[in-house]
Amino acid sequence: MKIAIVGSGGRLGAALARTWSGDGDSIVGFTHASLNLADDSEVRRKLEPLDFDILVNCAALTNVDYCETHELEAMRVNADAVRTIARICAAKGRRCLHISTDYVFDGEKREPYTESDLAGPLGAYGRSKLAGERALLKASDSHLVVRVSWVFGPDRPSFVDQILQKARETDNLAAVADKWAVPTYTLDAARLLRPLLSDVPVGGILHLCNAGSCTWQEYGQYAIDCAASFGVPLKGNTVAPQNMAGLKVFIARRPVYTVMSTERLTELTGLVPRTWQEAVEDHVMELALRK
């Protein structure tokens, strides 16, 4: 299968490219350096002549606070470029699988969000991603939006890597304890997305993440507990709770609760995501073995 991956140098895109290439697929990847999504003419020039069976767009402007103060740029990358990519794919009669985010929700629910729940983003990042979703689905009914949350994996550092590094250096550890979501392990995502490339060619919106829910504090504490059990030397072993409202470094509002249900994913593919704890344990074990 010929798969084009936009954003192949990112945390998720790199994992997809490596995993699917290992499965025998032919991968054409575009990194930030090789494709400027803010330049519409460049996107057309590089993607229109390209031969592929499906295009997976993992690229986005994801810095939430940067987006808040650069909303026009966020819209160019997260919405306008998605519209162009979606139209190119539709003109070729090819599907686009587009990665989106839990930040399209306002966080007012206290039970997992489903694909049918209304979106209501609180900030520029969420607004730009929602605009991208809508542009994609307008271009073709066969295109698929896949929403993920708290992505982590071996290719680029994320929150879990950062707090483990800090625990090696200091015992002063803290993380937000009043915001809930679900981590998404990139290697699990590659497996869960695989049937959606061809065997289950659905369109619309789909949620994909590991099972369960947690706060940043619980997420970080579990990672540290795993590292300690693997014999990783740590100076800090306890993650203290922080309130999100007390973090003055945040510019943009964050939704408090964005846990997503993956029931539709299981109904369509028969695959059941494993718990975020199992995924974190595997990731931390791999980090421990590298040291």
C-alpha atoms as a PDB file:
ATOM      1  CA  MET A   1       0.000   0.000   0.000  1.00  0.00           C
ATOM      2  CA  LYS A   2       1.278   3.475  -0.876  1.00  0.00           C
ATOM      3  CA  ILE A   3       0.815   5.766   2.127  1.00  0.00           C
ATOM      4  CA  ALA A   4       1.667   9.468   2.150  1.00  0.00           C
ATOM      5  CA  ILE A   5       2.272  10.833   5.659  1.00  0.00           C
ATOM      6  CA  VAL A   6       2.297  14.585   6.194  1.00  0.00           C
ATOM      7  CA  GLY A   7       4.067  15.299   9.464  1.00  0.00           C
ATOM      8  CA  SER A   8       6.277  12.194   9.303  1.00  0.00           C
ATOM      9  CA  GLY A   9       8.903  13.811  11.514  1.00  0.00           C
ATOM     10  CA  GLY A  10       6.539  14.346  14.435  1.00  0.00           C
ATOM     11  CA  ARG A  11       5.819  12.190  17.451  1.00  0.00           C
ATOM     12  CA  LEU A  12       2.915  10.306  15.871  1.00  0.00           C
ATOM     13  CA  GLY A  13       3.877  10.549  12.213  1.00  0.00           C
ATOM     14  CA  ALA A  14       7.314   9.054  12.777  1.00  0.00           C
ATOM     15  CA  ALA A  15       5.837   6.093  14.641  1.00  0.00           C
ATOM     16  CA  LEU A  16       3.291   5.474  11.895  1.00  0.00           C
ATOM     17  CA  ALA A  17       5.919   5.690   9.155  1.00  0.00           C
ATOM     18  CA  ARG A  18       8.304   3.292  10.887  1.00  0.00           C
ATOM     19  CA  THR A  19       5.625   0.776  11.910  1.00  0.00           C
ATOM     20  CA  TRP A  20       3.801   0.666   8.590  1.00  0.00           C
ATOM     21  CA  SER A  21       7.037   0.577   6.611  1.00  0.00           C
ATOM     22  CA  GLY A  22       7.968  -2.462   8.699  1.00  0.00           C
ATOM     23  CA  ASP A  23       4.626  -3.987   7.706  1.00  0.00           C
ATOM     24  CA  GLY A  24       5.668  -3.732   4.065  1.00  0.00           C
ATOM     25  CA  ASP A  25       3.883  -0.545   3.055  1.00  0.00           C
ATOM     26  CA  SER A  26       5.479   2.037   0.796  1.00  0.00           C
ATOM     27  CA  ILE A  27       5.770   5.304   2.754  1.00  0.00           C
ATOM     28  CA  VAL A  28       6.300   8.791   1.380  1.00  0.00           C
ATOM     29  CA  GLY A  29       6.859  11.155   4.258  1.00  0.00           C
ATOM     30  CA  PHE A  30       6.816  14.930   4.500  1.00  0.00           C
ATOM     31  CA  THR A  31       8.400  16.668   7.461  1.00  0.00           C
ATOM     32  CA  HIS A  32       8.039  20.290   8.499  1.00  0.00           C
ATOM     33  CA  ALA A  33      11.285  21.004   6.649  1.00  0.00           C
ATOM     34  CA  SER A  34      10.128  19.380   3.415  1.00  0.00           C
ATOM     35  CA  LEU A  35       6.559  20.738   3.301  1.00  0.00           C
ATOM     36  CA  ASN A  36       5.497  24.162   4.531  1.00  0.00           C
ATOM     37  CA  LEU A  37       1.794  23.846   5.297  1.00  0.00           C
ATOM     38  CA  ALA A  38       1.449  27.606   5.591  1.00  0.00           C
ATOM     39  CA  ASP A  39       2.307  27.897   1.870  1.00  0.00           C
ATOM     40  CA  ASP A  40      -0.722  26.768  -0.107  1.00  0.00           C
ATOM     41  CA  SER A  41       1.081  26.800  -3.458  1.00  0.00           C
ATOM     42  CA  GLU A  42       3.829  24.563  -2.067  1.00  0.00           C
ATOM     43  CA  VAL A  43       1.296  22.115  -0.680  1.00  0.00           C
ATOM     44  CA  ARG A  44      -0.372  21.875  -4.087  1.00  0.00           C
ATOM     45  CA  ARG A  45       2.911  21.637  -5.980  1.00  0.00           C
ATOM     46  CA  LYS A  46       4.188  18.740  -3.892  1.00  0.00           C
ATOM     47  CA  LEU A  47       1.004  16.756  -3.258  1.00  0.00           C
ATOM     48  CA  GLU A  48      -0.993  17.073  -6.482  1.00  0.00           C
ATOM     49  CA  PRO A  49       1.478  15.032  -8.619  1.00  0.00           C
ATOM     50  CA  LEU A  50       1.995  12.433  -5.881  1.00  0.00           C
ATOM     51  CA  ASP A  51       0.758   8.864  -6.306  1.00  0.00           C
ATOM     52  CA  PHE A  52      -0.693   7.331  -3.123  1.00  0.00           C
ATOM     53  CA  ASP A  53      -3.527   5.094  -1.940  1.00  0.00           C
ATOM     54  CA  ILE A  54      -4.245   7.094   1.220  1.00  0.00           C
ATOM     55  CA  LEU A  55      -2.846  10.241   2.811  1.00  0.00           C
ATOM     56  CA  VAL A  56      -2.461  10.530   6.583  1.00  0.00           C
ATOM     57  CA  ASN A  57      -2.096  14.076   7.891  1.00  0.00           C
ATOM     58  CA  CYS A  58      -0.400  14.193  11.286  1.00  0.00           C
ATOM     59  CA  ALA A  59       0.989  17.698  10.883  1.00  0.00           C
ATOM     60  CA  ALA A  60      -0.342  20.638  12.882  1.00  0.00           C
ATOM     61  CA  LEU A  61       0.586  23.720  14.814  1.00  0.00           C
ATOM     62  CA  THR A  62       0.072  22.263  18.299  1.00  0.00           C
ATOM     63  CA  ASN A  63       1.555  24.764  20.759  1.00  0.00           C
ATOM     64  CA  VAL A  64      -1.662  25.800  22.471  1.00  0.00           C
ATOM     65  CA  ASP A  65      -0.383  29.088  23.887  1.00  0.00           C
ATOM     66  CA  TYR A  66       1.411  30.054  20.668  1.00  0.00           C
ATOM     67  CA  CYS A  67      -1.798  29.463  18.739  1.00  0.00           C
ATOM     68  CA  GLU A  68      -3.673  31.731  21.139  1.00  0.00           C
ATOM     69  CA  THR A  69      -1.482  34.684  20.174  1.00  0.00           C
ATOM     70  CA  HIS A  70      -1.017  33.645  16.513  1.00  0.00           C
ATOM     71  CA  GLU A  71      -4.509  32.547  15.524  1.00  0.00           C
ATOM     72  CA  LEU A  72      -4.189  33.499  11.846  1.00  0.00           C
ATOM     73  CA  GLU A  73      -1.108  31.303  11.540  1.00  0.00           C
ATOM     74  CA  ALA A  74      -2.885  28.503  13.385  1.00  0.00           C
ATOM     75  CA  MET A  75      -5.785  28.752  10.963  1.00  0.00           C
ATOM     76  CA  ARG A  76      -3.458  28.626   7.939  1.00  0.00           C
ATOM     77  CA  VAL A  77      -1.781  25.436   9.137  1.00  0.00           C
ATOM     78  CA  ASN A  78      -4.571  23.668  11.024  1.00  0.00           C
ATOM     79  CA  ALA A  79      -7.506  24.585   8.801  1.00  0.00           C
ATOM     80  CA  ASP A  80      -6.581  26.118   5.427  1.00  0.00           C
ATOM     81  CA  ALA A  81      -3.850  23.564   4.677  1.00  0.00           C
ATOM     82  CA  VAL A  82      -6.185  20.741   5.716  1.00  0.00           C
ATOM     83  CA  ARG A  83      -8.803  22.042   3.292  1.00  0.00           C
ATOM     84  CA  THR A  84      -6.257  22.027   0.473  1.00  0.00           C
ATOM     85  CA  ILE A  85      -5.016  18.529   1.322  1.00  0.00           C
ATOM     86  CA  ALA A  86      -8.585  17.232   1.588  1.00  0.00           C
ATOM     87  CA  ARG A  87      -9.500  18.651  -1.814  1.00  0.00           C
ATOM     88  CA  ILE A  88      -6.371  17.218  -3.432  1.00  0.00           C
ATOM     89  CA  CYS A  89      -7.211  13.780  -2.056  1.00  0.00           C
ATOM     90  CA  ALA A  90     -10.847  14.058  -3.138  1.00  0.00           C
ATOM     91  CA  ALA A  91      -9.841  15.071  -6.670  1.00  0.00           C
ATOM     92  CA  LYS A  92      -7.657  11.956  -6.860  1.00  0.00           C
ATOM     93  CA  GLY A  93     -10.439   9.751  -5.489  1.00  0.00           C
ATOM     94  CA  ARG A  94      -8.270   8.978  -2.460  1.00  0.00           C
ATOM     95  CA  ARG A  95      -9.069   9.111   1.259  1.00  0.00           C
ATOM     96  CA  CYS A  96      -7.456  11.417   3.765  1.00  0.00           C
ATOM     97  CA  LEU A  97      -7.082  10.316   7.372  1.00  0.00           C
ATOM     98  CA  HIS A  98      -6.576  13.470   9.409  1.00  0.00           C
ATOM     99  CA  ILE A  99      -5.349  13.599  13.013  1.00  0.00           C
ATOM    100  CA  SER A 100      -7.243  16.014  15.254  1.00  0.00           C
ATOM    101  CA  THR A 101      -7.516  16.674  18.970  1.00  0.00           C
ATOM    102  CA  ASP A 102      -9.614  16.458  22.117  1.00  0.00           C
ATOM    103  CA  TYR A 103      -9.239  20.249  22.432  1.00  0.00           C
ATOM    104  CA  VAL A 104     -12.223  20.694  20.135  1.00  0.00           C
ATOM    105  CA  PHE A 105     -14.337  20.082  23.274  1.00  0.00           C
ATOM    106  CA  ASP A 106     -15.108  22.612  26.009  1.00  0.00           C
ATOM    107  CA  GLY A 107     -14.496  20.126  28.837  1.00  0.00           C
ATOM    108  CA  GLU A 108     -17.856  20.632  30.537  1.00  0.00           C
ATOM    109  CA  LYS A 109     -18.844  16.948  30.445  1.00  0.00           C
ATOM    110  CA  ARG A 110     -17.908  14.544  33.216  1.00  0.00           C
ATOM    111  CA  GLU A 111     -18.273  11.357  31.206  1.00  0.00           C
ATOM    112  CA  PRO A 112     -16.321  10.329  28.090  1.00  0.00           C
ATOM    113  CA  TYR A 113     -16.980  12.334  24.958  1.00  0.00           C
ATOM    114  CA  THR A 114     -18.343  10.453  21.965  1.00  0.00           C
ATOM    115  CA  GLU A 115     -18.066  11.347  18.309  1.00  0.00           C
ATOM    116  CA  SER A 116     -21.648  12.677  18.325  1.00  0.00           C
ATOM    117  CA  ASP A 117     -21.027  15.204  21.119  1.00  0.00           C
ATOM    118  CA  LEU A 118     -21.029  18.813  20.011  1.00  0.00           C
ATOM    119  CA  ALA A 119     -17.655  20.494  19.795  1.00  0.00           C
ATOM    120  CA  GLY A 120     -17.072  23.807  21.532  1.00  0.00           C
ATOM    121  CA  PRO A 121     -13.387  24.760  21.694  1.00  0.00           C
ATOM    122  CA  LEU A 122     -12.212  27.224  24.318  1.00  0.00           C
ATOM    123  CA  GLY A 123      -9.213  28.640  22.481  1.00  0.00           C
ATOM    124  CA  ALA A 124      -7.572  29.366  19.139  1.00  0.00           C
ATOM    125  CA  TYR A 125      -5.897  25.979  18.877  1.00  0.00           C
ATOM    126  CA  GLY A 126      -9.169  24.117  19.277  1.00  0.00           C
ATOM    127  CA  ARG A 127     -10.974  26.502  16.942  1.00  0.00           C
ATOM    128  CA  SER A 128      -8.365  26.011  14.231  1.00  0.00           C
ATOM    129  CA  LYS A 129      -8.442  22.229  14.584  1.00  0.00           C
ATOM    130  CA  LEU A 130     -12.252  22.164  14.485  1.00  0.00           C
ATOM    131  CA  ALA A 131     -12.198  24.314  11.351  1.00  0.00           C
ATOM    132  CA  GLY A 132      -9.801  21.796   9.827  1.00  0.00           C
ATOM    133  CA  GLU A 133     -12.100  18.913  10.713  1.00  0.00           C
ATOM    134  CA  ARG A 134     -15.061  20.611   9.077  1.00  0.00           C
ATOM    135  CA  ALA A 135     -13.112  21.483   5.940  1.00  0.00           C
ATOM    136  CA  LEU A 136     -11.897  17.900   5.624  1.00  0.00           C
ATOM    137  CA  LEU A 137     -15.335  16.345   5.976  1.00  0.00           C
ATOM    138  CA  LYS A 138     -16.868  18.866   3.583  1.00  0.00           C
ATOM    139  CA  ALA A 139     -14.377  17.837   0.896  1.00  0.00           C
ATOM    140  CA  SER A 140     -15.385  14.160   0.941  1.00  0.00           C
ATOM    141  CA  ASP A 141     -17.599  11.793   2.879  1.00  0.00           C
ATOM    142  CA  SER A 142     -14.838   9.190   2.743  1.00  0.00           C
ATOM    143  CA  HIS A 143     -12.320  11.334   4.639  1.00  0.00           C
ATOM    144  CA  LEU A 144     -11.780  10.435   8.296  1.00  0.00           C
ATOM    145  CA  VAL A 145     -11.013  12.657  11.288  1.00  0.00           C
ATOM    146  CA  VAL A 146      -9.217  10.802  14.088  1.00  0.00           C
ATOM    147  CA  ARG A 147      -9.101  12.651  17.417  1.00  0.00           C
ATOM    148  CA  VAL A 148      -6.270  11.791  19.800  1.00  0.00           C
ATOM    149  CA  SER A 149      -5.128  13.161  23.168  1.00  0.00           C
ATOM    150  CA  TRP A 150      -1.909  13.452  25.215  1.00  0.00           C
ATOM    151  CA  VAL A 151       0.197  11.729  22.563  1.00  0.00           C
ATOM    152  CA  PHE A 152       3.430  10.093  23.762  1.00  0.00           C
ATOM    153  CA  GLY A 153       5.910   7.697  22.236  1.00  0.00           C
ATOM    154  CA  PRO A 154       9.557   6.940  21.481  1.00  0.00           C
ATOM    155  CA  ASP A 155      10.182   9.395  18.652  1.00  0.00           C
ATOM    156  CA  ARG A 156       9.914  12.789  20.347  1.00  0.00           C
ATOM    157  CA  PRO A 157       9.814  13.750  24.031  1.00  0.00           C
ATOM    158  CA  SER A 158       6.444  14.429  25.649  1.00  0.00           C
ATOM    159  CA  PHE A 159       5.158  15.132  29.147  1.00  0.00           C
ATOM    160  CA  VAL A 160       6.004  11.658  30.415  1.00  0.00           C
ATOM    161  CA  ASP A 161       9.617  11.930  29.208  1.00  0.00           C
ATOM    162  CA  GLN A 162       9.974  15.414  30.640  1.00  0.00           C
ATOM    163  CA  ILE A 163       8.773  14.513  34.118  1.00  0.00           C
ATOM    164  CA  LEU A 164      11.015  11.433  34.206  1.00  0.00           C
ATOM    165  CA  GLN A 165      13.985  13.584  33.250  1.00  0.00           C
ATOM    166  CA  LYS A 166      13.084  16.070  35.961  1.00  0.00           C
ATOM    167  CA  ALA A 167      12.765  13.247  38.508  1.00  0.00           C
ATOM    168  CA  ARG A 168      16.355  12.254  37.727  1.00  0.00           C
ATOM    169  CA  GLU A 169      17.511  15.799  38.502  1.00  0.00           C
ATOM    170  CA  THR A 170      15.377  16.987  41.441  1.00  0.00           C
ATOM    171  CA  ASP A 171      12.822  15.998  44.056  1.00  0.00           C
ATOM    172  CA  ASN A 172      10.726  19.096  43.306  1.00  0.00           C
ATOM    173  CA  LEU A 173       8.021  17.571  41.129  1.00  0.00           C
ATOM    174  CA  ALA A 174       4.475  18.812  40.486  1.00  0.00           C
ATOM    175  CA  ALA A 175       1.781  18.414  37.860  1.00  0.00           C
ATOM    176  CA  VAL A 176      -1.813  19.487  37.269  1.00  0.00           C
ATOM    177  CA  ALA A 177      -4.295  17.415  39.268  1.00  0.00           C
ATOM    178  CA  ASP A 178      -7.580  18.952  38.090  1.00  0.00           C
ATOM    179  CA  LYS A 179      -7.517  18.240  34.357  1.00  0.00           C
ATOM    180  CA  TRP A 180      -8.494  14.820  32.964  1.00  0.00           C
ATOM    181  CA  ALA A 181      -7.834  13.158  29.600  1.00  0.00           C
ATOM    182  CA  VAL A 182      -6.370   9.916  28.214  1.00  0.00           C
ATOM    183  CA  PRO A 183      -2.792   9.361  27.021  1.00  0.00           C
ATOM    184  CA  THR A 184      -2.371   7.977  23.499  1.00  0.00           C
ATOM    185  CA  TYR A 185       0.685   5.793  22.860  1.00  0.00           C
ATOM    186  CA  THR A 186       1.942   6.229  19.298  1.00  0.00           C
ATOM    187  CA  LEU A 187       2.880   2.562  18.853  1.00  0.00           C
ATOM    188  CA  ASP A 188      -0.620   1.531  19.921  1.00  0.00           C
ATOM    189  CA  ALA A 189      -2.091   4.162  17.601  1.00  0.00           C
ATOM    190  CA  ALA A 190      -0.212   2.650  14.653  1.00  0.00           C
ATOM    191  CA  ARG A 191      -1.799  -0.735  15.352  1.00  0.00           C
ATOM    192  CA  LEU A 192      -5.275   0.670  15.979  1.00  0.00           C
ATOM    193  CA  LEU A 193      -5.219   2.848  12.873  1.00  0.00           C
ATOM    194  CA  ARG A 194      -4.040   0.086  10.578  1.00  0.00           C
ATOM    195  CA  PRO A 195      -7.479  -1.403   9.718  1.00  0.00           C
ATOM    196  CA  LEU A 196      -8.807   2.074   8.954  1.00  0.00           C
ATOM    197  CA  LEU A 197      -6.386   2.498   6.063  1.00  0.00           C
ATOM    198  CA  SER A 198      -8.156  -0.009   3.799  1.00  0.00           C
ATOM    199  CA  ASP A 199      -9.991  -2.859   5.542  1.00  0.00           C
ATOM    200  CA  VAL A 200     -12.445  -0.518   7.301  1.00  0.00           C
ATOM    201  CA  PRO A 201     -12.636   2.501   4.954  1.00  0.00           C
ATOM    202  CA  VAL A 202     -15.026   4.576   7.036  1.00  0.00           C
ATOM    203  CA  GLY A 203     -15.419   8.328   6.929  1.00  0.00           C
ATOM    204  CA  GLY A 204     -16.526  10.854   9.520  1.00  0.00           C
ATOM    205  CA  ILE A 205     -15.095  11.233  13.017  1.00  0.00           C
ATOM    206  CA  LEU A 206     -13.423   8.654  15.242  1.00  0.00           C
ATOM    207  CA  HIS A 207     -11.849   8.848  18.698  1.00  0.00           C
ATOM    208  CA  LEU A 208      -8.591   7.000  19.333  1.00  0.00           C
ATOM    209  CA  CYS A 209      -6.689   6.826  22.604  1.00  0.00           C
ATOM    210  CA  ASN A 210      -5.716   4.299  25.234  1.00  0.00           C
ATOM    211  CA  ALA A 211      -8.282   3.116  27.785  1.00  0.00           C
ATOM    212  CA  GLY A 212      -9.056   4.788  31.102  1.00  0.00           C
ATOM    213  CA  SER A 213      -8.495   8.359  32.228  1.00  0.00           C
ATOM    214  CA  CYS A 214      -6.078  10.296  34.409  1.00  0.00           C
ATOM    215  CA  THR A 215      -4.812  13.710  35.435  1.00  0.00           C
ATOM    216  CA  TRP A 216      -1.355  14.957  34.550  1.00  0.00           C
ATOM    217  CA  GLN A 217      -0.360  14.281  38.157  1.00  0.00           C
ATOM    218  CA  GLU A 218      -1.551  10.659  37.990  1.00  0.00           C
ATOM    219  CA  TYR A 219       0.086  10.229  34.600  1.00  0.00           C
ATOM    220  CA  GLY A 220       3.416  11.532  35.854  1.00  0.00           C
ATOM    221  CA  GLN A 221       3.260   9.624  39.138  1.00  0.00           C
ATOM    222  CA  TYR A 222       2.611   6.338  37.373  1.00  0.00           C
ATOM    223  CA  ALA A 223       5.531   6.895  35.012  1.00  0.00           C
ATOM    224  CA  ILE A 224       7.834   7.602  37.957  1.00  0.00           C
ATOM    225  CA  ASP A 225       6.575   4.542  39.826  1.00  0.00           C
ATOM    226  CA  CYS A 226       7.318   2.430  36.742  1.00  0.00           C
ATOM    227  CA  ALA A 227      10.798   3.898  36.409  1.00  0.00           C
ATOM    228  CA  ALA A 228      11.540   3.185  40.064  1.00  0.00           C
ATOM    229  CA  SER A 229      10.372  -0.423  39.656  1.00  0.00           C
ATOM    230  CA  PHE A 230      12.795  -0.822  36.740  1.00  0.00           C
ATOM    231  CA  GLY A 231      15.702   0.407  38.862  1.00  0.00           C
ATOM    232  CA  VAL A 232      16.047   3.852  37.278  1.00  0.00           C
ATOM    233  CA  PRO A 233      17.889   6.125  39.756  1.00  0.00           C
ATOM    234  CA  LEU A 234      15.610   8.999  40.711  1.00  0.00           C
ATOM    235  CA  LYS A 235      15.964  11.991  43.002  1.00  0.00           C
ATOM    236  CA  GLY A 236      12.220  12.605  43.034  1.00  0.00           C
ATOM    237  CA  ASN A 237       9.578   9.951  43.668  1.00  0.00           C
ATOM    238  CA  THR A 238       6.418  11.950  44.380  1.00  0.00           C
ATOM    239  CA  VAL A 239       4.507  14.286  42.059  1.00  0.00           C
ATOM    240  CA  ALA A 240       2.732  16.992  44.040  1.00  0.00           C
ATOM    241  CA  PRO A 241      -0.684  18.255  42.872  1.00  0.00           C
ATOM    242  CA  GLN A 242      -1.111  21.606  41.155  1.00  0.00           C
ATOM    243  CA  ASN A 243      -4.280  23.492  40.248  1.00  0.00           C
ATOM    244  CA  MET A 244      -4.503  24.485  36.597  1.00  0.00           C
ATOM    245  CA  ALA A 245      -5.844  27.915  37.530  1.00  0.00           C
ATOM    246  CA  GLY A 246      -2.666  28.621  39.464  1.00  0.00           C
ATOM    247  CA  LEU A 247      -0.364  28.151  36.470  1.00  0.00           C
ATOM    248  CA  LYS A 248       0.257  31.693  35.294  1.00  0.00           C
ATOM    249  CA  VAL A 249       2.443  30.486  32.406  1.00  0.00           C
ATOM    250  CA  PHE A 250      -0.672  29.366  30.540  1.00  0.00           C
ATOM    251  CA  ILE A 251      -2.023  31.928  28.080  1.00  0.00           C
ATOM    252  CA  ALA A 252      -4.846  29.903  26.542  1.00  0.00           C
ATOM    253  CA  ARG A 253      -7.750  28.336  28.403  1.00  0.00           C
ATOM    254  CA  ARG A 254      -7.604  24.543  28.583  1.00  0.00           C
ATOM    255  CA  PRO A 255     -10.646  22.268  28.782  1.00  0.00           C
ATOM    256  CA  VAL A 256     -10.783  20.564  32.180  1.00  0.00           C
ATOM    257  CA  TYR A 257     -12.189  17.201  31.052  1.00  0.00           C
ATOM    258  CA  THR A 258     -11.591  15.691  27.599  1.00  0.00           C
ATOM    259  CA  VAL A 259     -11.694  11.951  28.207  1.00  0.00           C
ATOM    260  CA  MET A 260     -12.841  10.311  24.969  1.00  0.00           C
ATOM    261  CA  SER A 261     -14.782   7.105  24.378  1.00  0.00           C
ATOM    262  CA  THR A 262     -13.327   4.605  21.893  1.00  0.00           C
ATOM    263  CA  GLU A 263     -16.426   2.420  21.642  1.00  0.00           C
ATOM    264  CA  ARG A 264     -16.950   3.290  17.963  1.00  0.00           C
ATOM    265  CA  LEU A 265     -13.363   2.317  17.166  1.00  0.00           C
ATOM    266  CA  THR A 266     -13.934  -1.106  18.723  1.00  0.00           C
ATOM    267  CA  GLU A 267     -17.285  -1.532  16.978  1.00  0.00           C
ATOM    268  CA  LEU A 268     -15.688  -0.816  13.600  1.00  0.00           C
ATOM    269  CA  THR A 269     -12.407  -2.686  13.928  1.00  0.00           C
ATOM    270  CA  GLY A 270     -12.897  -5.203  16.737  1.00  0.00           C
ATOM    271  CA  LEU A 271      -9.787  -3.780  18.405  1.00  0.00           C
ATOM    272  CA  VAL A 272      -9.869  -2.790  22.083  1.00  0.00           C
ATOM    273  CA  PRO A 273      -7.253  -0.242  23.192  1.00  0.00           C
ATOM    274  CA  ARG A 274      -5.223  -1.364  26.180  1.00  0.00           C
ATOM    275  CA  THR A 275      -5.017   0.803  29.284  1.00  0.00           C
ATOM    276  CA  TRP A 276      -2.855   3.874  29.381  1.00  0.00           C
ATOM    277  CA  GLN A 277      -1.004   2.336  32.342  1.00  0.00           C
ATOM    278  CA  GLU A 278       0.087  -0.662  30.257  1.00  0.00           C
ATOM    279  CA  ALA A 279       1.267   1.640  27.496  1.00  0.00           C
ATOM    280  CA  VAL A 280       3.165   3.915  29.882  1.00  0.00           C
ATOM    281  CA  GLU A 281       4.846   0.909  31.491  1.00  0.00           C
ATOM    282  CA  ASP A 282       6.085  -0.287  28.083  1.00  0.00           C
ATOM    283  CA  HIS A 283       7.328   3.185  27.186  1.00  0.00           C
ATOM    284  CA  VAL A 284       9.165   3.652  30.472  1.00  0.00           C
ATOM    285  CA  MET A 285      10.686   0.182  30.205  1.00  0.00           C
ATOM    286  CA  GLU A 286      12.032   1.059  26.763  1.00  0.00           C
ATOM    287  CA  LEU A 287      13.493   4.299  28.131  1.00  0.00           C
ATOM    288  CA  ALA A 288      15.090   2.383  31.011  1.00  0.00           C
ATOM    289  CA  LEU A 289      16.679  -0.131  28.630  1.00  0.00           C
ATOM    290  CA  ARG A 290      18.252   2.702  26.612  1.00  0.00           C
ATOM    291  CA  LYS A 291      20.118   4.051  29.633  1.00  0.00           C
END
